[in-house]
């Protein structure tokens, strides 16, 4: 694939990420962005992502969600789209591998 092609094109594809891949995605994404994205995402995806966060970060993201619940829809959509860009970067860096329609986090040393 060339550098301009996306490995992940739709937000729904996040439902095909394993827990390690979701963990890497959450680790690379600023909490404010996660909070806005979670307000826009399908509850199954956001629930899975919240589930891989450590307790302290999960609590902080929940607080941010409460503060940003009235944010414009465009901001929430932009945050969700930002997850795709971050996920693409993780795939490019081989921290996440795509196998068929599924995405797996790779073990780090």
N, C-alpha and C. Protein backbone atom coordinates (compact mmCIF):
# COMPACT_ATOMS: atom_id res chain seq x y z
N UNK A 1 0.84 -1.19 0.00
CA UNK A 1 0.00 0.00 0.00
C UNK A 1 0.87 1.24 0.00
N UNK A 2 0.47 2.22 -0.71
CA UNK A 2 1.21 3.48 -0.70
C UNK A 2 0.85 4.26 0.55
N UNK A 3 1.65 5.28 0.85
CA UNK A 3 1.44 6.06 2.05
C UNK A 3 0.13 6.80 2.08
N UNK A 4 -0.51 7.01 0.92
CA UNK A 4 -1.74 7.78 0.89
C UNK A 4 -2.99 6.92 1.06
N UNK A 5 -2.84 5.59 1.02
CA UNK A 5 -4.00 4.71 1.17
C UNK A 5 -4.29 4.46 2.64
N UNK A 6 -5.57 4.35 2.95
CA UNK A 6 -5.97 4.06 4.32
C UNK A 6 -6.07 2.56 4.53
N UNK A 7 -5.65 2.13 5.70
CA UNK A 7 -5.80 0.73 6.08
C UNK A 7 -7.18 0.50 6.67
N UNK A 8 -7.72 1.54 7.25
CA UNK A 8 -9.04 1.48 7.88
C UNK A 8 -9.83 2.67 7.36
N UNK A 9 -11.02 2.42 6.87
CA UNK A 9 -11.77 3.46 6.18
C UNK A 9 -13.07 3.86 6.88
N UNK A 10 -13.63 2.95 7.66
CA UNK A 10 -14.91 3.25 8.32
C UNK A 10 -14.77 3.03 9.82
N UNK A 11 -15.40 3.88 10.57
CA UNK A 11 -15.34 3.80 12.03
C UNK A 11 -15.86 2.46 12.54
N UNK A 12 -16.78 1.84 11.79
CA UNK A 12 -17.34 0.55 12.19
C UNK A 12 -16.27 -0.53 12.23
N UNK A 13 -15.18 -0.34 11.48
CA UNK A 13 -14.11 -1.33 11.46
C UNK A 13 -13.43 -1.46 12.82
N UNK A 14 -13.60 -0.48 13.70
CA UNK A 14 -13.02 -0.59 15.04
C UNK A 14 -13.61 -1.77 15.80
N UNK A 15 -14.79 -2.23 15.41
CA UNK A 15 -15.38 -3.39 16.08
C UNK A 15 -14.61 -4.68 15.75
N UNK A 16 -13.72 -4.63 14.77
CA UNK A 16 -12.90 -5.78 14.40
C UNK A 16 -11.51 -5.73 15.02
N UNK A 17 -11.27 -4.78 15.92
CA UNK A 17 -10.00 -4.67 16.63
C UNK A 17 -10.02 -5.59 17.85
N UNK A 18 -8.91 -6.31 18.08
CA UNK A 18 -8.82 -7.08 19.32
C UNK A 18 -8.47 -6.13 20.47
N UNK A 19 -8.48 -6.65 21.69
CA UNK A 19 -8.26 -5.78 22.85
C UNK A 19 -6.90 -5.09 22.82
N UNK A 20 -5.86 -5.79 22.39
CA UNK A 20 -4.53 -5.18 22.34
C UNK A 20 -4.52 -4.03 21.33
N UNK A 21 -5.15 -4.22 20.18
CA UNK A 21 -5.21 -3.15 19.18
C UNK A 21 -5.99 -1.96 19.72
N UNK A 22 -7.11 -2.23 20.40
CA UNK A 22 -7.88 -1.14 21.02
C UNK A 22 -7.06 -0.43 22.09
N UNK A 23 -6.28 -1.19 22.86
CA UNK A 23 -5.44 -0.60 23.90
C UNK A 23 -4.43 0.36 23.27
N UNK A 24 -3.76 -0.08 22.21
CA UNK A 24 -2.79 0.80 21.54
C UNK A 24 -3.47 2.05 21.01
N UNK A 25 -4.65 1.89 20.43
CA UNK A 25 -5.38 3.04 19.90
C UNK A 25 -5.74 4.01 21.02
N UNK A 26 -6.22 3.50 22.13
CA UNK A 26 -6.57 4.36 23.27
C UNK A 26 -5.33 5.03 23.86
N UNK A 27 -4.22 4.31 23.89
CA UNK A 27 -2.98 4.85 24.45
C UNK A 27 -2.46 6.02 23.61
N UNK A 28 -2.63 5.94 22.30
CA UNK A 28 -2.12 6.96 21.38
C UNK A 28 -3.06 8.16 21.23
N UNK A 29 -4.30 8.02 21.67
CA UNK A 29 -5.31 9.05 21.47
C UNK A 29 -5.44 9.91 22.72
N UNK A 30 -5.39 11.24 22.59
CA UNK A 30 -5.57 12.11 23.76
C UNK A 30 -6.94 11.87 24.40
N UNK A 31 -7.02 11.95 25.74
CA UNK A 31 -8.29 11.70 26.44
C UNK A 31 -9.45 12.56 25.95
N UNK A 32 -9.18 13.82 25.63
CA UNK A 32 -10.26 14.70 25.16
C UNK A 32 -10.82 14.20 23.84
N UNK A 33 -9.95 13.70 22.98
CA UNK A 33 -10.40 13.16 21.69
C UNK A 33 -11.20 11.88 21.91
N UNK A 34 -10.71 11.02 22.81
CA UNK A 34 -11.46 9.79 23.12
C UNK A 34 -12.86 10.14 23.61
N UNK A 35 -12.94 11.10 24.52
CA UNK A 35 -14.24 11.48 25.10
C UNK A 35 -15.20 11.95 24.02
N UNK A 36 -14.75 12.82 23.15
CA UNK A 36 -15.62 13.31 22.07
C UNK A 36 -16.01 12.17 21.14
N UNK A 37 -15.05 11.32 20.79
CA UNK A 37 -15.33 10.21 19.88
C UNK A 37 -16.33 9.24 20.51
N UNK A 38 -16.18 8.95 21.81
CA UNK A 38 -17.09 8.02 22.47
C UNK A 38 -18.52 8.53 22.46
N UNK A 39 -18.69 9.84 22.46
CA UNK A 39 -20.03 10.42 22.40
C UNK A 39 -20.68 10.21 21.03
N UNK A 40 -19.87 9.90 20.03
CA UNK A 40 -20.35 9.72 18.66
C UNK A 40 -20.41 8.24 18.25
N UNK A 41 -19.53 7.42 18.82
CA UNK A 41 -19.39 6.03 18.40
C UNK A 41 -20.55 5.16 18.86
N UNK A 42 -20.69 4.03 18.19
CA UNK A 42 -21.61 2.97 18.62
C UNK A 42 -21.23 2.56 20.04
N UNK A 43 -22.21 2.31 20.87
CA UNK A 43 -21.95 2.00 22.28
C UNK A 43 -21.12 0.73 22.47
N UNK A 44 -21.22 -0.23 21.56
CA UNK A 44 -20.41 -1.44 21.68
C UNK A 44 -18.94 -1.13 21.47
N UNK A 45 -18.65 -0.29 20.49
CA UNK A 45 -17.25 0.08 20.22
C UNK A 45 -16.69 0.90 21.37
N UNK A 46 -17.43 1.93 21.78
CA UNK A 46 -16.93 2.79 22.85
C UNK A 46 -16.81 2.00 24.16
N UNK A 47 -17.74 1.09 24.41
CA UNK A 47 -17.67 0.25 25.60
C UNK A 47 -16.44 -0.65 25.60
N UNK A 48 -16.13 -1.22 24.44
CA UNK A 48 -14.94 -2.05 24.32
C UNK A 48 -13.68 -1.23 24.55
N UNK A 49 -13.67 -0.03 24.01
CA UNK A 49 -12.50 0.83 24.17
C UNK A 49 -12.35 1.28 25.62
N UNK A 50 -13.45 1.65 26.25
CA UNK A 50 -13.39 2.04 27.67
C UNK A 50 -12.90 0.87 28.52
N UNK A 51 -13.26 -0.34 28.12
CA UNK A 51 -12.88 -1.52 28.88
C UNK A 51 -11.40 -1.81 28.90
N UNK A 52 -10.65 -1.32 27.92
CA UNK A 52 -9.21 -1.58 27.90
C UNK A 52 -8.40 -0.48 28.59
N UNK A 53 -9.07 0.60 28.98
CA UNK A 53 -8.37 1.69 29.67
C UNK A 53 -8.11 1.33 31.13
N UNK A 54 -7.00 1.87 31.67
CA UNK A 54 -6.79 1.68 33.11
C UNK A 54 -7.81 2.53 33.86
N UNK A 55 -8.02 2.22 35.12
CA UNK A 55 -9.10 2.84 35.90
C UNK A 55 -8.98 4.36 35.95
N UNK A 56 -7.78 4.86 36.17
CA UNK A 56 -7.58 6.31 36.28
C UNK A 56 -7.93 7.02 34.98
N UNK A 57 -7.45 6.47 33.87
CA UNK A 57 -7.73 7.10 32.57
C UNK A 57 -9.20 6.97 32.21
N UNK A 58 -9.80 5.82 32.52
CA UNK A 58 -11.23 5.63 32.24
C UNK A 58 -12.07 6.66 32.98
N UNK A 59 -11.73 6.89 34.24
CA UNK A 59 -12.46 7.87 35.04
C UNK A 59 -12.31 9.27 34.43
N UNK A 60 -11.09 9.60 34.02
CA UNK A 60 -10.85 10.91 33.42
C UNK A 60 -11.64 11.07 32.11
N UNK A 61 -11.65 10.04 31.28
CA UNK A 61 -12.38 10.10 30.01
C UNK A 61 -13.88 10.24 30.28
N UNK A 62 -14.40 9.54 31.29
CA UNK A 62 -15.82 9.69 31.66
C UNK A 62 -16.12 11.13 32.07
N UNK A 63 -15.22 11.74 32.85
CA UNK A 63 -15.40 13.13 33.26
C UNK A 63 -15.40 14.05 32.04
N UNK A 64 -14.48 13.80 31.11
CA UNK A 64 -14.42 14.61 29.89
C UNK A 64 -15.69 14.43 29.05
N UNK A 65 -16.22 13.22 29.01
CA UNK A 65 -17.46 12.98 28.27
C UNK A 65 -18.60 13.80 28.85
N UNK A 66 -18.66 13.86 30.17
CA UNK A 66 -19.72 14.63 30.82
C UNK A 66 -19.58 16.12 30.50
N UNK A 67 -18.34 16.60 30.48
CA UNK A 67 -18.10 18.02 30.18
C UNK A 67 -18.37 18.36 28.72
N UNK A 68 -18.15 17.39 27.82
CA UNK A 68 -18.24 17.67 26.39
C UNK A 68 -19.53 17.14 25.75
N UNK A 69 -20.47 16.68 26.55
CA UNK A 69 -21.68 16.07 25.98
C UNK A 69 -22.46 17.02 25.09
N UNK A 70 -22.34 18.33 25.33
CA UNK A 70 -23.06 19.32 24.52
C UNK A 70 -22.20 19.90 23.40
N UNK A 71 -21.06 19.29 23.14
CA UNK A 71 -20.18 19.77 22.06
C UNK A 71 -20.90 19.61 20.72
N UNK A 72 -20.53 20.43 19.75
CA UNK A 72 -21.16 20.32 18.42
C UNK A 72 -20.93 18.93 17.81
N UNK A 73 -21.91 18.47 17.07
CA UNK A 73 -21.82 17.15 16.42
C UNK A 73 -20.58 17.07 15.53
N UNK A 74 -20.22 18.18 14.89
CA UNK A 74 -19.05 18.19 14.01
C UNK A 74 -17.78 17.86 14.80
N UNK A 75 -17.68 18.37 16.03
CA UNK A 75 -16.51 18.09 16.87
C UNK A 75 -16.45 16.61 17.22
N UNK A 76 -17.60 16.04 17.52
CA UNK A 76 -17.66 14.61 17.86
C UNK A 76 -17.29 13.76 16.65
N UNK A 77 -17.81 14.13 15.48
CA UNK A 77 -17.50 13.39 14.26
C UNK A 77 -16.02 13.52 13.90
N UNK A 78 -15.46 14.71 14.08
CA UNK A 78 -14.04 14.91 13.80
C UNK A 78 -13.18 14.05 14.72
N UNK A 79 -13.56 13.96 15.98
CA UNK A 79 -12.81 13.13 16.93
C UNK A 79 -12.88 11.66 16.52
N UNK A 80 -14.06 11.21 16.11
CA UNK A 80 -14.22 9.82 15.67
C UNK A 80 -13.37 9.56 14.43
N UNK A 81 -13.36 10.50 13.50
CA UNK A 81 -12.53 10.36 12.30
C UNK A 81 -11.05 10.39 12.65
N UNK A 82 -10.71 11.14 13.70
CA UNK A 82 -9.33 11.18 14.16
C UNK A 82 -8.85 9.81 14.62
N UNK A 83 -9.76 9.02 15.19
CA UNK A 83 -9.39 7.66 15.60
C UNK A 83 -8.93 6.84 14.40
N UNK A 84 -9.55 7.06 13.24
CA UNK A 84 -9.15 6.33 12.04
C UNK A 84 -7.74 6.70 11.62
N UNK A 85 -7.41 7.99 11.72
CA UNK A 85 -6.07 8.46 11.35
C UNK A 85 -5.04 7.87 12.31
N UNK A 86 -5.35 7.88 13.59
CA UNK A 86 -4.43 7.32 14.58
C UNK A 86 -4.28 5.82 14.37
N UNK A 87 -5.38 5.12 14.10
CA UNK A 87 -5.33 3.68 13.84
C UNK A 87 -4.47 3.39 12.62
N UNK A 88 -4.61 4.19 11.56
CA UNK A 88 -3.78 4.02 10.37
C UNK A 88 -2.30 4.16 10.72
N UNK A 89 -1.99 5.13 11.56
CA UNK A 89 -0.60 5.32 11.98
C UNK A 89 -0.07 4.11 12.74
N UNK A 90 -0.90 3.53 13.59
CA UNK A 90 -0.49 2.34 14.34
C UNK A 90 -0.27 1.15 13.42
N UNK A 91 -1.08 1.04 12.39
CA UNK A 91 -0.92 -0.03 11.40
C UNK A 91 0.37 0.19 10.62
N UNK A 92 0.62 1.42 10.22
CA UNK A 92 1.84 1.75 9.48
C UNK A 92 3.08 1.43 10.32
N UNK A 93 2.99 1.65 11.63
CA UNK A 93 4.11 1.38 12.54
C UNK A 93 4.16 -0.08 12.98
N UNK A 94 3.30 -0.91 12.41
CA UNK A 94 3.23 -2.34 12.71
C UNK A 94 2.89 -2.66 14.16
N UNK A 95 2.24 -1.74 14.85
CA UNK A 95 1.74 -2.04 16.19
C UNK A 95 0.39 -2.74 16.11
N UNK A 96 -0.28 -2.56 14.98
CA UNK A 96 -1.53 -3.26 14.69
C UNK A 96 -1.37 -3.89 13.31
N UNK A 97 -1.77 -5.15 13.20
CA UNK A 97 -1.72 -5.84 11.91
C UNK A 97 -3.13 -6.19 11.47
N UNK A 98 -3.37 -6.02 10.18
CA UNK A 98 -4.66 -6.38 9.60
C UNK A 98 -4.53 -7.77 8.98
N UNK A 99 -5.43 -8.66 9.39
CA UNK A 99 -5.48 -10.00 8.82
C UNK A 99 -6.91 -10.25 8.40
N UNK A 100 -7.15 -10.19 7.09
CA UNK A 100 -8.52 -10.27 6.59
C UNK A 100 -9.25 -9.02 7.01
N UNK A 101 -10.41 -9.18 7.62
CA UNK A 101 -11.16 -8.02 8.08
C UNK A 101 -10.83 -7.65 9.53
N UNK A 102 -9.98 -8.45 10.18
CA UNK A 102 -9.69 -8.26 11.60
C UNK A 102 -8.36 -7.54 11.81
N UNK A 103 -8.25 -6.88 12.96
CA UNK A 103 -7.06 -6.11 13.32
C UNK A 103 -6.55 -6.62 14.66
N UNK A 104 -5.24 -6.91 14.71
CA UNK A 104 -4.65 -7.48 15.92
C UNK A 104 -3.48 -6.62 16.38
N UNK A 105 -3.45 -6.33 17.67
CA UNK A 105 -2.31 -5.64 18.24
C UNK A 105 -1.14 -6.60 18.32
N UNK A 106 0.06 -6.13 17.97
CA UNK A 106 1.25 -6.97 18.03
C UNK A 106 1.90 -6.84 19.39
N UNK A 107 2.59 -7.89 19.81
CA UNK A 107 3.31 -7.84 21.08
C UNK A 107 4.49 -6.91 20.95
N UNK A 108 4.69 -6.09 21.98
CA UNK A 108 5.84 -5.19 21.99
C UNK A 108 6.85 -5.73 22.98
N UNK A 109 8.12 -5.49 22.67
CA UNK A 109 9.19 -5.95 23.57
C UNK A 109 9.26 -5.13 24.82
